N, C-alpha and C. Protein backbone atom coordinates (compact mmCIF):
# COMPACT_ATOMS: atom_id res chain seq x y z
N UNK A 1 -1.25 9.04 -9.65
CA UNK A 1 -1.56 8.84 -8.27
C UNK A 1 -1.77 10.33 -7.63
N UNK A 2 -2.82 10.68 -6.61
CA UNK A 2 -2.65 12.01 -6.08
C UNK A 2 -1.73 12.17 -5.19
N UNK A 3 -1.07 13.62 -5.23
CA UNK A 3 -0.07 13.85 -4.54
C UNK A 3 -0.33 13.66 -2.75
N UNK A 4 0.62 13.29 -1.97
CA UNK A 4 0.39 13.28 -0.55
C UNK A 4 0.66 14.40 -0.10
N UNK A 5 -0.08 15.02 1.12
CA UNK A 5 0.34 16.27 1.79
C UNK A 5 0.07 15.77 3.26
N UNK A 6 0.46 16.75 4.10
CA UNK A 6 0.48 16.59 5.58
C UNK A 6 -0.87 16.14 6.02
N UNK A 7 -1.95 16.52 5.75
CA UNK A 7 -3.25 16.46 6.17
C UNK A 7 -3.41 14.59 6.31
N UNK A 8 -2.81 13.88 5.29
CA UNK A 8 -3.04 12.50 5.08
C UNK A 8 -2.38 11.85 5.94
N UNK A 9 -1.17 12.18 6.60
CA UNK A 9 -0.67 11.59 7.80
C UNK A 9 -0.44 12.49 8.90
N UNK A 10 -1.13 13.16 9.29
CA UNK A 10 -1.15 14.10 10.30
C UNK A 10 -1.02 13.27 11.66
N UNK A 11 -1.36 12.12 11.78
CA UNK A 11 -1.15 11.34 13.15
C UNK A 11 -0.12 10.38 13.19
N UNK A 12 0.73 10.34 14.33
CA UNK A 12 1.84 9.53 14.44
C UNK A 12 1.38 8.04 14.02
N UNK A 13 2.17 7.37 13.34
CA UNK A 13 2.09 6.00 13.09
C UNK A 13 1.18 5.86 11.76
N UNK A 14 0.64 6.73 11.18
CA UNK A 14 0.11 6.58 9.95
C UNK A 14 0.92 6.81 8.57
N UNK A 15 1.05 5.99 7.65
CA UNK A 15 1.83 6.21 6.43
C UNK A 15 1.28 5.95 5.46
N UNK A 16 1.89 6.33 4.19
CA UNK A 16 1.35 6.04 2.90
C UNK A 16 2.44 5.40 2.11
N UNK A 17 2.25 4.31 1.44
CA UNK A 17 3.25 3.49 0.90
C UNK A 17 2.98 3.42 -0.67
N UNK A 18 3.72 3.88 -1.58
CA UNK A 18 3.70 3.62 -2.83
C UNK A 18 4.53 2.64 -3.30
N UNK A 19 3.75 1.50 -3.89
CA UNK A 19 4.43 0.16 -4.05
C UNK A 19 4.70 0.06 -5.48
N UNK A 20 5.81 -0.15 -6.03
CA UNK A 20 6.13 -0.69 -7.08
C UNK A 20 6.68 -2.14 -7.51
N UNK A 21 6.34 -2.67 -8.46
CA UNK A 21 6.88 -4.28 -8.38
C UNK A 21 6.88 -4.50 -10.29
N UNK A 22 7.42 -5.49 -10.54
CA UNK A 22 7.63 -5.99 -11.89
C UNK A 22 6.17 -6.35 -12.54
N UNK A 23 5.22 -6.64 -11.72
CA UNK A 23 3.96 -7.33 -12.35
C UNK A 23 2.80 -7.03 -11.28
N UNK A 24 1.62 -7.25 -11.63
CA UNK A 24 0.51 -6.97 -10.74
C UNK A 24 0.50 -8.00 -9.71
N UNK A 25 0.94 -9.20 -9.78
CA UNK A 25 0.82 -10.19 -8.71
C UNK A 25 1.92 -10.03 -7.69
N UNK A 26 2.98 -9.57 -8.01
CA UNK A 26 3.88 -9.10 -7.12
C UNK A 26 3.37 -7.94 -6.24
N UNK A 27 3.00 -6.89 -6.71
CA UNK A 27 2.30 -5.76 -6.16
C UNK A 27 1.51 -6.20 -5.15
N UNK A 28 0.31 -7.08 -5.39
CA UNK A 28 -0.72 -7.66 -4.65
C UNK A 28 -0.12 -8.49 -3.47
N UNK A 29 0.89 -9.31 -3.67
CA UNK A 29 1.42 -9.98 -2.76
C UNK A 29 2.16 -9.17 -1.62
N UNK A 30 2.82 -8.12 -2.17
CA UNK A 30 3.36 -7.09 -1.23
C UNK A 30 2.21 -6.26 -0.39
N UNK A 31 1.11 -6.19 -1.09
CA UNK A 31 -0.09 -5.52 0.01
C UNK A 31 -0.64 -6.33 0.68
N UNK A 32 -0.75 -7.72 0.36
CA UNK A 32 -1.43 -8.52 1.32
C UNK A 32 -0.35 -8.91 2.46
N UNK A 33 0.74 -8.94 2.31
CA UNK A 33 1.74 -9.26 3.27
C UNK A 33 1.81 -7.90 4.36
N UNK A 34 1.62 -6.64 3.95
CA UNK A 34 1.46 -5.39 4.60
C UNK A 34 0.12 -5.67 5.55
N UNK A 35 -0.80 -5.88 4.87
CA UNK A 35 -2.11 -5.98 5.54
C UNK A 35 -2.16 -7.30 6.76
N UNK A 36 -1.29 -8.26 6.63
CA UNK A 36 -1.42 -9.14 7.69
C UNK A 36 -0.49 -8.40 9.01
N UNK A 37 0.41 -7.64 8.78
CA UNK A 37 1.24 -6.92 9.63
C UNK A 37 0.66 -5.68 10.29
N UNK A 38 -0.05 -4.78 9.48
CA UNK A 38 -0.55 -3.57 10.02
C UNK A 38 -1.88 -3.38 9.52
N UNK A 39 -2.77 -2.51 10.11
CA UNK A 39 -4.21 -2.07 9.56
C UNK A 39 -3.92 -1.30 8.56
N UNK A 40 -4.33 -1.71 7.35
CA UNK A 40 -4.05 -1.05 6.07
C UNK A 40 -5.37 -0.81 5.37
N UNK A 41 -5.18 0.04 4.31
CA UNK A 41 -6.40 0.37 3.50
C UNK A 41 -6.69 -0.86 2.55
N UNK A 42 -6.14 -2.01 2.67
CA UNK A 42 -6.46 -3.08 1.78
C UNK A 42 -5.97 -3.16 0.58
N UNK A 43 -6.25 -4.15 -0.29
CA UNK A 43 -5.71 -4.33 -1.52
C UNK A 43 -6.28 -3.34 -2.43
N UNK A 44 -5.37 -2.30 -2.87
CA UNK A 44 -6.01 -1.30 -3.58
C UNK A 44 -5.76 -1.76 -5.20
N UNK A 45 -6.54 -1.18 -5.96
CA UNK A 45 -6.47 -1.33 -7.46
C UNK A 45 -4.83 -1.24 -7.94
N UNK A 46 -4.48 -1.98 -8.84
CA UNK A 46 -2.99 -1.87 -9.29
C UNK A 46 -3.13 -1.42 -10.61
N UNK A 47 -2.06 -0.37 -10.79
CA UNK A 47 -2.26 0.18 -12.36
C UNK A 47 -0.83 0.10 -12.98
N UNK A 48 -0.87 0.24 -14.22
CA UNK A 48 0.20 0.42 -15.00
C UNK A 48 0.21 1.76 -15.80
N UNK A 49 1.41 2.52 -15.75
CA UNK A 49 1.46 3.62 -16.83
C UNK A 49 1.92 3.36 -18.09
N UNK A 50 1.32 3.81 -19.07
CA UNK A 50 1.77 3.38 -20.63
C UNK A 50 3.22 4.00 -20.89
N UNK A 51 3.95 2.87 -21.24
CA UNK A 51 5.24 3.11 -21.81
C UNK A 51 6.38 2.88 -20.50
N UNK A 52 5.85 2.62 -19.37
CA UNK A 52 6.75 2.66 -18.07
C UNK A 52 6.61 1.14 -17.73
N UNK A 53 7.65 0.59 -17.37
CA UNK A 53 7.86 -0.98 -16.93
C UNK A 53 7.26 -1.04 -15.35
N UNK A 54 6.64 -2.11 -15.16
CA UNK A 54 6.31 -2.37 -13.64
C UNK A 54 4.51 -1.95 -13.60
N UNK A 55 4.28 -2.25 -12.57
CA UNK A 55 2.94 -2.17 -11.90
C UNK A 55 3.00 -1.36 -10.52
N UNK A 56 2.20 -0.55 -10.12
CA UNK A 56 2.23 0.41 -9.09
C UNK A 56 0.69 0.54 -8.29
N UNK A 57 1.03 0.70 -6.85
CA UNK A 57 -0.36 0.69 -6.06
C UNK A 57 -0.03 1.61 -4.82
N UNK A 58 -1.01 2.11 -4.14
CA UNK A 58 -0.99 2.94 -3.17
C UNK A 58 -1.52 2.18 -1.89
N UNK A 59 -0.96 2.27 -0.60
CA UNK A 59 -1.62 1.62 0.69
C UNK A 59 -1.46 2.79 1.73
N UNK A 60 -2.39 2.77 2.36
CA UNK A 60 -2.32 3.59 3.64
C UNK A 60 -2.19 2.79 4.78
N UNK A 61 -1.29 2.99 5.61
CA UNK A 61 -1.11 1.88 6.92
C UNK A 61 -1.14 2.57 8.06
N UNK A 62 -1.71 2.08 9.21
CA UNK A 62 -1.47 2.59 10.69
C UNK A 62 -0.63 1.43 11.31
N UNK A 63 0.45 1.88 11.09
CA UNK A 63 1.52 1.03 11.75
C UNK A 63 1.54 0.87 13.29
N UNK A 64 0.62 1.51 14.17
CA UNK A 64 0.56 1.12 15.43
C UNK A 64 -0.44 0.08 15.76
N UNK A 65 -1.25 -0.13 14.90
CA UNK A 65 -2.49 -1.14 14.96
C UNK A 65 -2.04 -2.50 14.20
N UNK A 66 -2.33 -3.54 14.91
CA UNK A 66 -1.81 -4.88 14.29
C UNK A 66 -2.96 -5.02 13.06
N UNK A 67 -2.24 -5.77 12.07
CA UNK A 67 -3.33 -6.19 10.86
C UNK A 67 -4.07 -7.45 11.44
N UNK A 68 -4.44 -8.05 10.23
CA UNK A 68 -5.51 -9.30 10.64
C UNK A 68 -4.61 -10.29 11.04
N UNK A 69 -5.26 -11.22 11.81
CA UNK A 69 -4.64 -12.43 12.43
C UNK A 69 -4.71 -13.62 11.39
N UNK A 70 -3.67 -14.31 11.20
CA UNK A 70 -3.50 -15.42 10.43
C UNK A 70 -3.51 -16.56 11.26
N UNK A 71 -4.39 -17.78 10.73
CA UNK A 71 -4.38 -18.82 11.44
C UNK A 71 -3.41 -19.95 11.08
């Protein structure tokens, strides 16, 4: 993943979340839950690093704006 610098999160309420889970389904479930709570970059590609356990993804979130509404 690309490094994070101050330009990525220059405004209050913006955050970058690196998610690591045991498998792809877990990481996708976490991204979906975050998307319901905050405005996020959505469900991003999940990746695995050879020789390392778990799966990873990065999500950008605006914690000041609500996410999608659930019925």
